[in-house]
Each structure stands twice: as structure tokens, then as C-alpha cells.
């Protein structure tokens, strides 16, 4: 009887071990799926980041160009103001 009880215990232990292995295999599969989802999200975020950096670099170039154009315009207007002031001073000296 003792060996039959041992055999019964071993069978029960084997059954529980098989259940546990099944559960662990299922968890591994879920982890694989989760990993794929996370990798896809990471790739998407990286693509979006690259696109944003590219957009910001283009915007920066545009802003620098506009800033240079504006600075030249301001300088030109300053020169005009100085010339007008000089003319006014000349007119005042003649009068």
C-alpha cells in the first residue's frame, strides 16, 4: 500500500507540475506579446521623434533666415533715418 500511495503522490505531483509548466508557458507567451507591443511602440516613438527633430530643424533654419532678413531691413531703415537726420541738420544749418 505504501508504494501505491507513493505512486499516487508522484502522479499528483506530476499533474501539478504539468499544470505549473502550462501556466509558465502561457506567461512566457504573454511576455513575448508584450515585448513585441513595447518594441513597436518604441519604434513608433523613435520615428515620431526623428520627424519632430527634422521639422524643428527646418523651422530653425527658416527662423534664422527670417531673422537675418529682418536684421538687414532694420539696418537699412536705421541708415535711412540717419540720412534723413543728416538732411534735416543740413537744412537747419542753411536756414
N, C-alpha and C. Protein backbone atom coordinates (compact mmCIF):
# COMPACT_ATOMS: atom_id res chain seq x y z
N UNK A 1 0.82 -1.19 0.00
CA UNK A 1 0.00 0.00 0.00
C UNK A 1 0.86 1.25 0.00
N UNK A 2 1.93 1.20 0.67
CA UNK A 2 2.79 2.35 0.78
C UNK A 2 3.33 2.76 -0.59
N UNK A 3 3.71 1.80 -1.40
CA UNK A 3 4.22 2.11 -2.73
C UNK A 3 3.10 2.64 -3.62
N UNK A 4 1.87 2.15 -3.41
CA UNK A 4 0.74 2.66 -4.19
C UNK A 4 0.45 4.11 -3.81
N UNK A 5 0.57 4.42 -2.55
CA UNK A 5 0.36 5.79 -2.09
C UNK A 5 1.46 6.71 -2.63
N UNK A 6 2.68 6.20 -2.66
CA UNK A 6 3.79 6.96 -3.22
C UNK A 6 3.56 7.22 -4.70
N UNK A 7 3.10 6.20 -5.40
CA UNK A 7 2.80 6.32 -6.82
C UNK A 7 1.70 7.35 -7.05
N UNK A 8 0.69 7.29 -6.18
CA UNK A 8 -0.42 8.26 -6.28
C UNK A 8 0.10 9.68 -6.05
N UNK A 9 0.94 9.84 -5.04
CA UNK A 9 1.53 11.15 -4.75
C UNK A 9 2.39 11.66 -5.90
N UNK A 10 3.16 10.73 -6.48
CA UNK A 10 4.01 11.11 -7.62
C UNK A 10 3.17 11.54 -8.82
N UNK A 11 2.07 10.82 -9.05
CA UNK A 11 1.19 11.19 -10.16
C UNK A 11 0.56 12.56 -9.92
N UNK A 12 0.14 12.80 -8.69
CA UNK A 12 -0.45 14.10 -8.34
C UNK A 12 0.60 15.21 -8.50
N UNK A 13 1.82 14.93 -8.06
CA UNK A 13 2.89 15.91 -8.20
C UNK A 13 3.20 16.17 -9.68
N UNK A 14 3.18 15.12 -10.47
CA UNK A 14 3.41 15.25 -11.91
C UNK A 14 2.30 16.09 -12.56
N UNK A 15 1.06 15.82 -12.16
CA UNK A 15 -0.07 16.58 -12.69
C UNK A 15 0.06 18.06 -12.34
N UNK A 16 0.40 18.35 -11.08
CA UNK A 16 0.57 19.75 -10.65
C UNK A 16 1.75 20.41 -11.37
N UNK A 17 2.81 19.64 -11.56
CA UNK A 17 3.97 20.17 -12.28
C UNK A 17 3.61 20.50 -13.72
N UNK A 18 2.84 19.62 -14.36
CA UNK A 18 2.41 19.88 -15.74
C UNK A 18 1.52 21.13 -15.80
N UNK A 19 0.64 21.29 -14.81
CA UNK A 19 -0.19 22.50 -14.76
C UNK A 19 0.68 23.74 -14.61
N UNK A 20 1.65 23.65 -13.73
CA UNK A 20 2.54 24.78 -13.50
C UNK A 20 3.34 25.12 -14.76
N UNK A 21 3.84 24.10 -15.44
CA UNK A 21 4.58 24.32 -16.69
C UNK A 21 3.67 24.99 -17.71
N UNK A 22 2.42 24.54 -17.81
CA UNK A 22 1.46 25.16 -18.73
C UNK A 22 1.24 26.62 -18.41
N UNK A 23 1.08 26.92 -17.11
CA UNK A 23 0.90 28.31 -16.69
C UNK A 23 2.13 29.15 -17.04
N UNK A 24 3.31 28.61 -16.79
CA UNK A 24 4.54 29.34 -17.08
C UNK A 24 4.71 29.55 -18.59
N UNK A 25 4.35 28.55 -19.38
CA UNK A 25 4.44 28.70 -20.84
C UNK A 25 3.49 29.81 -21.31
N UNK A 26 2.31 29.86 -20.70
CA UNK A 26 1.34 30.90 -21.05
C UNK A 26 1.88 32.29 -20.68
N UNK A 27 2.48 32.38 -19.51
CA UNK A 27 3.06 33.66 -19.08
C UNK A 27 4.18 34.09 -20.02
N UNK A 28 5.00 33.12 -20.45
CA UNK A 28 6.08 33.43 -21.39
C UNK A 28 5.51 33.97 -22.70
N UNK A 29 4.45 33.36 -23.19
CA UNK A 29 3.82 33.82 -24.42
C UNK A 29 3.27 35.24 -24.26
N UNK A 30 2.65 35.51 -23.11
CA UNK A 30 2.16 36.86 -22.85
C UNK A 30 3.30 37.87 -22.80
N UNK A 31 4.41 37.46 -22.20
CA UNK A 31 5.58 38.34 -22.15
C UNK A 31 6.13 38.62 -23.54
N UNK A 32 6.13 37.60 -24.40
CA UNK A 32 6.60 37.80 -25.78
C UNK A 32 5.71 38.80 -26.51
N UNK A 33 4.40 38.64 -26.34
CA UNK A 33 3.46 39.56 -26.98
C UNK A 33 3.67 40.98 -26.44
N UNK A 34 3.80 41.08 -25.13
CA UNK A 34 4.02 42.39 -24.51
C UNK A 34 5.31 43.03 -25.03
N UNK A 35 6.33 42.22 -25.17
CA UNK A 35 7.61 42.73 -25.67
C UNK A 35 7.45 43.24 -27.10
N UNK A 36 6.75 42.50 -27.93
CA UNK A 36 6.54 42.94 -29.32
C UNK A 36 5.77 44.26 -29.36
N UNK A 37 4.73 44.35 -28.51
CA UNK A 37 3.94 45.59 -28.46
C UNK A 37 4.83 46.75 -28.02
N UNK A 38 5.63 46.54 -26.98
CA UNK A 38 6.51 47.60 -26.49
C UNK A 38 7.55 48.00 -27.54
N UNK A 39 8.10 47.02 -28.24
CA UNK A 39 9.09 47.32 -29.28
C UNK A 39 8.44 48.13 -30.41
N UNK A 40 7.23 47.77 -30.79
CA UNK A 40 6.51 48.52 -31.82
C UNK A 40 6.26 49.95 -31.38
N UNK A 41 5.84 50.11 -30.11
CA UNK A 41 5.61 51.46 -29.58
C UNK A 41 6.91 52.26 -29.55
N UNK A 42 7.98 51.61 -29.15
CA UNK A 42 9.28 52.29 -29.09
C UNK A 42 9.71 52.73 -30.49
N UNK A 43 9.54 51.87 -31.48
CA UNK A 43 9.89 52.23 -32.85
C UNK A 43 9.04 53.40 -33.34
N UNK A 44 7.75 53.37 -32.99
CA UNK A 44 6.86 54.46 -33.40
C UNK A 44 7.30 55.77 -32.76
N UNK A 45 7.61 55.74 -31.47
CA UNK A 45 8.05 56.94 -30.76
C UNK A 45 9.35 57.46 -31.37
N UNK A 46 10.26 56.56 -31.71
CA UNK A 46 11.53 56.97 -32.32
C UNK A 46 11.29 57.63 -33.68
N UNK A 47 10.39 57.05 -34.49
CA UNK A 47 10.08 57.64 -35.79
C UNK A 47 9.47 59.04 -35.61
N UNK A 48 8.56 59.16 -34.65
CA UNK A 48 7.93 60.46 -34.39
C UNK A 48 8.96 61.47 -33.90
N UNK A 49 9.90 61.01 -33.08
CA UNK A 49 10.94 61.90 -32.57
C UNK A 49 11.82 62.40 -33.71
N UNK A 50 12.21 61.49 -34.60
CA UNK A 50 13.04 61.87 -35.75
C UNK A 50 12.30 62.88 -36.62
N UNK A 51 11.01 62.62 -36.86
CA UNK A 51 10.20 63.53 -37.68
C UNK A 51 10.11 64.90 -37.01
N UNK A 52 9.91 64.92 -35.70
CA UNK A 52 9.80 66.19 -34.97
C UNK A 52 11.11 66.96 -35.01
N UNK A 53 12.22 66.25 -34.81
CA UNK A 53 13.54 66.90 -34.85
C UNK A 53 13.77 67.49 -36.24
N UNK A 54 13.41 66.74 -37.27
CA UNK A 54 13.58 67.23 -38.64
C UNK A 54 12.73 68.49 -38.85
N UNK A 55 11.49 68.44 -38.40
CA UNK A 55 10.60 69.60 -38.53
C UNK A 55 11.16 70.81 -37.79
N UNK A 56 11.64 70.58 -36.56
CA UNK A 56 12.19 71.68 -35.76
C UNK A 56 13.46 72.25 -36.38
N UNK A 57 14.28 71.38 -36.98
CA UNK A 57 15.49 71.87 -37.65
C UNK A 57 15.12 72.75 -38.84
N UNK A 58 14.12 72.34 -39.61
CA UNK A 58 13.67 73.15 -40.73
C UNK A 58 13.12 74.49 -40.25
N UNK A 59 12.34 74.43 -39.17
CA UNK A 59 11.77 75.66 -38.60
C UNK A 59 12.88 76.58 -38.11
N UNK A 60 13.90 76.00 -37.50
CA UNK A 60 15.03 76.79 -37.02
C UNK A 60 15.74 77.49 -38.17
N UNK A 61 15.97 76.77 -39.26
CA UNK A 61 16.60 77.37 -40.44
C UNK A 61 15.74 78.51 -40.97
N UNK A 62 14.43 78.29 -41.06
CA UNK A 62 13.52 79.32 -41.55
C UNK A 62 13.56 80.56 -40.64
N UNK A 63 13.53 80.32 -39.33
CA UNK A 63 13.55 81.44 -38.39
C UNK A 63 14.87 82.21 -38.47
N UNK A 64 15.97 81.50 -38.63
CA UNK A 64 17.26 82.18 -38.75
C UNK A 64 17.30 83.02 -40.02
N UNK A 65 16.76 82.47 -41.11
CA UNK A 65 16.71 83.21 -42.38
C UNK A 65 15.84 84.47 -42.23
N UNK A 66 14.66 84.28 -41.61
CA UNK A 66 13.77 85.42 -41.39
C UNK A 66 14.43 86.47 -40.48
N UNK A 67 15.12 86.00 -39.46
CA UNK A 67 15.80 86.89 -38.53
C UNK A 67 16.88 87.70 -39.25
N UNK A 68 17.64 87.03 -40.10
CA UNK A 68 18.68 87.72 -40.87
C UNK A 68 18.06 88.76 -41.79
N UNK A 69 16.98 88.39 -42.46
CA UNK A 69 16.29 89.32 -43.35
C UNK A 69 15.77 90.53 -42.56
N UNK A 70 15.19 90.27 -41.40
CA UNK A 70 14.67 91.35 -40.56
C UNK A 70 15.80 92.26 -40.07
N UNK A 71 16.91 91.66 -39.67
CA UNK A 71 18.05 92.46 -39.19
C UNK A 71 18.57 93.35 -40.31
N UNK A 72 18.64 92.83 -41.54
CA UNK A 72 19.09 93.65 -42.67
C UNK A 72 18.09 94.79 -42.93
N UNK A 73 16.81 94.50 -42.81
CA UNK A 73 15.78 95.51 -43.02
C UNK A 73 15.90 96.62 -41.96
N UNK A 74 16.09 96.20 -40.70
CA UNK A 74 16.26 97.17 -39.60
C UNK A 74 17.49 98.03 -39.85
N UNK A 75 18.58 97.40 -40.24
CA UNK A 75 19.81 98.13 -40.51
C UNK A 75 19.59 99.15 -41.63
N UNK A 76 18.88 98.72 -42.68
CA UNK A 76 18.57 99.61 -43.80
C UNK A 76 17.73 100.80 -43.33
N UNK A 77 16.72 100.53 -42.51
CA UNK A 77 15.87 101.62 -42.01
C UNK A 77 16.66 102.55 -41.10
N UNK A 78 17.56 102.01 -40.32
CA UNK A 78 18.42 102.84 -39.47
C UNK A 78 19.26 103.78 -40.33
N UNK A 79 19.81 103.22 -41.41
CA UNK A 79 20.62 104.02 -42.32
C UNK A 79 19.77 105.15 -42.92
N UNK A 80 18.54 104.84 -43.31
CA UNK A 80 17.63 105.85 -43.85
C UNK A 80 17.36 106.95 -42.82
N UNK A 81 17.14 106.54 -41.59
CA UNK A 81 16.87 107.51 -40.51
C UNK A 81 18.07 108.44 -40.33
N UNK A 82 19.26 107.86 -40.32
CA UNK A 82 20.47 108.67 -40.14
C UNK A 82 20.62 109.65 -41.30
N UNK A 83 20.38 109.15 -42.52
CA UNK A 83 20.47 110.04 -43.69
C UNK A 83 19.45 111.18 -43.59
N UNK A 84 18.23 110.86 -43.18
CA UNK A 84 17.21 111.90 -43.03
C UNK A 84 17.58 112.91 -41.95
N UNK A 85 18.14 112.40 -40.83
CA UNK A 85 18.57 113.31 -39.77
C UNK A 85 19.67 114.24 -40.26
N UNK A 86 20.59 113.67 -41.06
CA UNK A 86 21.67 114.50 -41.61
C UNK A 86 21.11 115.56 -42.54
N UNK A 87 20.12 115.23 -43.35
CA UNK A 87 19.50 116.20 -44.25
C UNK A 87 18.80 117.31 -43.45
N UNK A 88 18.11 116.91 -42.41
CA UNK A 88 17.42 117.89 -41.56
C UNK A 88 18.43 118.84 -40.95
N UNK A 89 19.55 118.28 -40.46
CA UNK A 89 20.59 119.12 -39.86
C UNK A 89 21.18 120.06 -40.89
N UNK A 90 21.38 119.56 -42.12
CA UNK A 90 21.90 120.42 -43.19
C UNK A 90 20.91 121.54 -43.50
N UNK A 91 19.62 121.20 -43.55
CA UNK A 91 18.58 122.21 -43.82
C UNK A 91 18.55 123.25 -42.72
N UNK A 92 18.70 122.79 -41.49
CA UNK A 92 18.67 123.73 -40.36
C UNK A 92 19.88 124.65 -40.39
N UNK A 93 21.04 124.12 -40.79
CA UNK A 93 22.25 124.93 -40.85
C UNK A 93 22.14 125.99 -41.95
N UNK A 94 21.44 125.65 -43.06
CA UNK A 94 21.28 126.60 -44.16
C UNK A 94 20.31 127.69 -43.80
N UNK A 95 19.39 127.38 -42.95
CA UNK A 95 18.34 128.36 -42.60
C UNK A 95 18.77 129.34 -41.56
